[in-house]
Amino acid sequence: QVQLVESGGGLVQAGGSLRLSCAASGRTFSSHAMGWFRQVPGKEREFVAAINWSGDRIYYVDSVKGRFTISRDNAKNTVYLQMNSLKPEDTAVYYCTTGPGAPLYGVAGYDYWGQGTQVTVSS
């Protein structure tokens, strides 16, 4: 059974930083893409960042480029999202996901999801 467990969310002031982690188990982690999506109430889940199995293809949504960095450690079965210069509009529940990654930037590219971690950025 595939499990994804996110951690690292919380409350931070605008301009601050957080690092999200997602520990995966139950499948060959190094063979699958990993991604981060976010969702606010009443809106669709939004793509944030993704990394392919080998780490040589990375995508970001335009609104986080230059501020967020996705990385993976296949030895630890963990994917990270370093979030710097946070803005109030980054407030959302952040979800970790894994899958074939086709496409890397769309919900359809993933088949397992974590439970989500809340990120709140105060102004």
C-alpha atoms as a PDB file:
ATOM      1  CA  GLN A   1       0.000   0.000   0.000  1.00  0.00           C
ATOM      2  CA  VAL A   2       1.400   3.349  -1.050  1.00  0.00           C
ATOM      3  CA  GLN A   3       1.586   5.971   1.686  1.00  0.00           C
ATOM      4  CA  LEU A   4       2.659   9.600   1.469  1.00  0.00           C
ATOM      5  CA  VAL A   5       3.114  11.547   4.688  1.00  0.00           C
ATOM      6  CA  GLU A   6       3.646  15.302   4.495  1.00  0.00           C
ATOM      7  CA  SER A   7       5.171  17.445   7.220  1.00  0.00           C
ATOM      8  CA  GLY A   8       6.559  20.927   7.688  1.00  0.00           C
ATOM      9  CA  GLY A   9       3.491  23.072   7.226  1.00  0.00           C
ATOM     10  CA  GLY A  10       2.547  25.835   9.637  1.00  0.00           C
ATOM     11  CA  LEU A  11       2.021  29.544  10.162  1.00  0.00           C
ATOM     12  CA  VAL A  12       4.620  31.997   8.909  1.00  0.00           C
ATOM     13  CA  GLN A  13       4.782  35.723   8.263  1.00  0.00           C
ATOM     14  CA  ALA A  14       5.016  37.084   4.743  1.00  0.00           C
ATOM     15  CA  GLY A  15       8.601  36.943   3.533  1.00  0.00           C
ATOM     16  CA  GLY A  16       9.372  33.924   5.650  1.00  0.00           C
ATOM     17  CA  SER A  17      10.298  30.373   4.697  1.00  0.00           C
ATOM     18  CA  LEU A  18       9.062  26.841   5.233  1.00  0.00           C
ATOM     19  CA  ARG A  19      10.285  23.476   4.047  1.00  0.00           C
ATOM     20  CA  LEU A  20       7.744  20.768   3.341  1.00  0.00           C
ATOM     21  CA  SER A  21       8.759  17.128   3.382  1.00  0.00           C
ATOM     22  CA  CYS A  22       6.947  14.091   2.030  1.00  0.00           C
ATOM     23  CA  ALA A  23       8.007  10.599   3.021  1.00  0.00           C
ATOM     24  CA  ALA A  24       6.874   7.867   0.646  1.00  0.00           C
ATOM     25  CA  SER A  25       6.503   4.146   1.173  1.00  0.00           C
ATOM     26  CA  GLY A  26       4.907   1.174  -0.537  1.00  0.00           C
ATOM     27  CA  ARG A  27       6.333   1.535  -4.031  1.00  0.00           C
ATOM     28  CA  THR A  28       9.634   1.981  -5.815  1.00  0.00           C
ATOM     29  CA  PHE A  29      10.021   5.639  -5.045  1.00  0.00           C
ATOM     30  CA  SER A  30      12.934   6.222  -7.398  1.00  0.00           C
ATOM     31  CA  SER A  31      10.904   5.038 -10.418  1.00  0.00           C
ATOM     32  CA  HIS A  32       8.121   7.600 -10.127  1.00  0.00           C
ATOM     33  CA  ALA A  33       7.606  11.310 -10.454  1.00  0.00           C
ATOM     34  CA  MET A  34       6.807  13.366  -7.370  1.00  0.00           C
ATOM     35  CA  GLY A  35       4.789  16.524  -7.188  1.00  0.00           C
ATOM     36  CA  TRP A  36       3.301  19.173  -4.952  1.00  0.00           C
ATOM     37  CA  PHE A  37      -0.148  20.645  -5.466  1.00  0.00           C
ATOM     38  CA  ARG A  38      -2.106  23.067  -3.315  1.00  0.00           C
ATOM     39  CA  GLN A  39      -5.763  23.817  -2.743  1.00  0.00           C
ATOM     40  CA  VAL A  40      -7.817  26.527  -1.078  1.00  0.00           C
ATOM     41  CA  PRO A  41     -11.493  26.094  -0.186  1.00  0.00           C
ATOM     42  CA  GLY A  42     -13.782  26.507  -3.160  1.00  0.00           C
ATOM     43  CA  LYS A  43     -11.030  26.226  -5.747  1.00  0.00           C
ATOM     44  CA  GLU A  44      -9.549  23.410  -7.786  1.00  0.00           C
ATOM     45  CA  ARG A  45      -6.321  21.767  -6.769  1.00  0.00           C
ATOM     46  CA  GLU A  46      -3.455  23.727  -8.308  1.00  0.00           C
ATOM     47  CA  PHE A  47      -0.125  22.423  -9.570  1.00  0.00           C
ATOM     48  CA  VAL A  48       2.862  23.893  -7.710  1.00  0.00           C
ATOM     49  CA  ALA A  49       5.993  21.900  -8.575  1.00  0.00           C
ATOM     50  CA  ALA A  50       7.064  18.500  -9.858  1.00  0.00           C
ATOM     51  CA  ILE A  51      10.212  16.477 -10.387  1.00  0.00           C
ATOM     52  CA  ASN A  52      10.626  13.389 -12.531  1.00  0.00           C
ATOM     53  CA  TRP A  53      12.074  10.101 -11.293  1.00  0.00           C
ATOM     54  CA  SER A  54      15.687  10.996 -12.041  1.00  0.00           C
ATOM     55  CA  GLY A  55      15.502  14.646 -11.013  1.00  0.00           C
ATOM     56  CA  ASP A  56      16.525  16.048 -14.390  1.00  0.00           C
ATOM     57  CA  ARG A  57      13.084  17.421 -15.258  1.00  0.00           C
ATOM     58  CA  ILE A  58      11.549  19.975 -12.926  1.00  0.00           C
ATOM     59  CA  TYR A  59       8.503  22.177 -13.428  1.00  0.00           C
ATOM     60  CA  TYR A  60       7.038  25.037 -11.400  1.00  0.00           C
ATOM     61  CA  VAL A  61       3.898  27.075 -11.700  1.00  0.00           C
ATOM     62  CA  ASP A  62       4.846  30.594 -12.743  1.00  0.00           C
ATOM     63  CA  SER A  63       3.705  32.144  -9.463  1.00  0.00           C
ATOM     64  CA  VAL A  64       6.355  30.285  -7.432  1.00  0.00           C
ATOM     65  CA  LYS A  65       9.308  30.351  -9.824  1.00  0.00           C
ATOM     66  CA  GLY A  66      12.378  31.813  -8.136  1.00  0.00           C
ATOM     67  CA  ARG A  67      10.869  31.322  -4.660  1.00  0.00           C
ATOM     68  CA  PHE A  68      10.179  27.575  -4.342  1.00  0.00           C
ATOM     69  CA  THR A  69      12.563  24.678  -4.937  1.00  0.00           C
ATOM     70  CA  ILE A  70      11.573  21.039  -5.278  1.00  0.00           C
ATOM     71  CA  SER A  71      14.104  18.293  -4.656  1.00  0.00           C
ATOM     72  CA  ARG A  72      14.152  14.580  -3.944  1.00  0.00           C
ATOM     73  CA  ASP A  73      16.336  12.158  -2.040  1.00  0.00           C
ATOM     74  CA  ASN A  74      15.729   8.700  -3.478  1.00  0.00           C
ATOM     75  CA  ALA A  75      17.835   7.087  -0.752  1.00  0.00           C
ATOM     76  CA  LYS A  76      15.421   8.458   1.856  1.00  0.00           C
ATOM     77  CA  ASN A  77      12.245   8.070  -0.271  1.00  0.00           C
ATOM     78  CA  THR A  78      11.553  11.719   0.426  1.00  0.00           C
ATOM     79  CA  VAL A  79      10.646  14.763  -1.649  1.00  0.00           C
ATOM     80  CA  TYR A  80      11.031  18.310  -0.391  1.00  0.00           C
ATOM     81  CA  LEU A  81       9.559  21.700  -1.210  1.00  0.00           C
ATOM     82  CA  GLN A  82      11.633  24.618   0.017  1.00  0.00           C
ATOM     83  CA  MET A  83       9.427  27.707   0.067  1.00  0.00           C
ATOM     84  CA  ASN A  84      11.070  31.115   0.430  1.00  0.00           C
ATOM     85  CA  SER A  85       9.709  34.668   0.251  1.00  0.00           C
ATOM     86  CA  LEU A  86       6.281  33.379   1.118  1.00  0.00           C
ATOM     87  CA  LYS A  87       3.255  35.504   0.283  1.00  0.00           C
ATOM     88  CA  PRO A  88      -0.275  35.494   1.746  1.00  0.00           C
ATOM     89  CA  GLU A  89      -1.534  34.094  -1.570  1.00  0.00           C
ATOM     90  CA  ASP A  90       0.571  30.976  -0.949  1.00  0.00           C
ATOM     91  CA  THR A  91      -1.809  30.073   1.873  1.00  0.00           C
ATOM     92  CA  ALA A  92      -3.338  26.659   1.096  1.00  0.00           C
ATOM     93  CA  VAL A  93      -3.326  22.999   1.939  1.00  0.00           C
ATOM     94  CA  TYR A  94      -0.302  21.486   0.215  1.00  0.00           C
ATOM     95  CA  TYR A  95      -0.510  17.921  -1.087  1.00  0.00           C
ATOM     96  CA  CYS A  96       2.310  15.580  -1.996  1.00  0.00           C
ATOM     97  CA  THR A  97       1.677  13.183  -4.847  1.00  0.00           C
ATOM     98  CA  THR A  98       3.394  10.419  -6.784  1.00  0.00           C
ATOM     99  CA  GLY A  99       2.764   8.753 -10.110  1.00  0.00           C
ATOM    100  CA  PRO A 100       4.006   8.175 -13.627  1.00  0.00           C
ATOM    101  CA  GLY A 101       4.173  11.930 -14.149  1.00  0.00           C
ATOM    102  CA  ALA A 102       2.475  12.034 -17.543  1.00  0.00           C
ATOM    103  CA  PRO A 103       2.031  14.948 -17.495  1.00  0.00           C
ATOM    104  CA  LEU A 104       4.269  16.191 -14.679  1.00  0.00           C
ATOM    105  CA  TYR A 105       2.211  19.371 -14.249  1.00  0.00           C
ATOM    106  CA  GLY A 106      -1.302  17.909 -14.182  1.00  0.00           C
ATOM    107  CA  VAL A 107      -3.442  15.999 -11.704  1.00  0.00           C
ATOM    108  CA  ALA A 108      -3.865  13.231 -14.286  1.00  0.00           C
ATOM    109  CA  GLY A 109      -0.165  12.418 -14.019  1.00  0.00           C
ATOM    110  CA  TYR A 110      -0.446  11.104 -10.444  1.00  0.00           C
ATOM    111  CA  ASP A 111      -2.189   8.206  -8.745  1.00  0.00           C
ATOM    112  CA  TYR A 112      -1.470   8.542  -5.020  1.00  0.00           C
ATOM    113  CA  TRP A 113      -1.902  11.552  -2.732  1.00  0.00           C
ATOM    114  CA  GLY A 114      -0.952  12.478   0.797  1.00  0.00           C
ATOM    115  CA  GLN A 115      -3.378  13.831   3.379  1.00  0.00           C
ATOM    116  CA  GLY A 116      -2.146  17.405   2.984  1.00  0.00           C
ATOM    117  CA  THR A 117      -0.425  19.915   5.242  1.00  0.00           C
ATOM    118  CA  GLN A 118      -1.699  23.423   5.939  1.00  0.00           C
ATOM    119  CA  VAL A 119       0.490  26.405   5.067  1.00  0.00           C
ATOM    120  CA  THR A 120      -0.715  29.786   6.304  1.00  0.00           C
ATOM    121  CA  VAL A 121       1.115  32.998   5.449  1.00  0.00           C
ATOM    122  CA  SER A 122       0.097  36.071   7.406  1.00  0.00           C
ATOM    123  CA  SER A 123       0.474  39.587   6.037  1.00  0.00           C
END
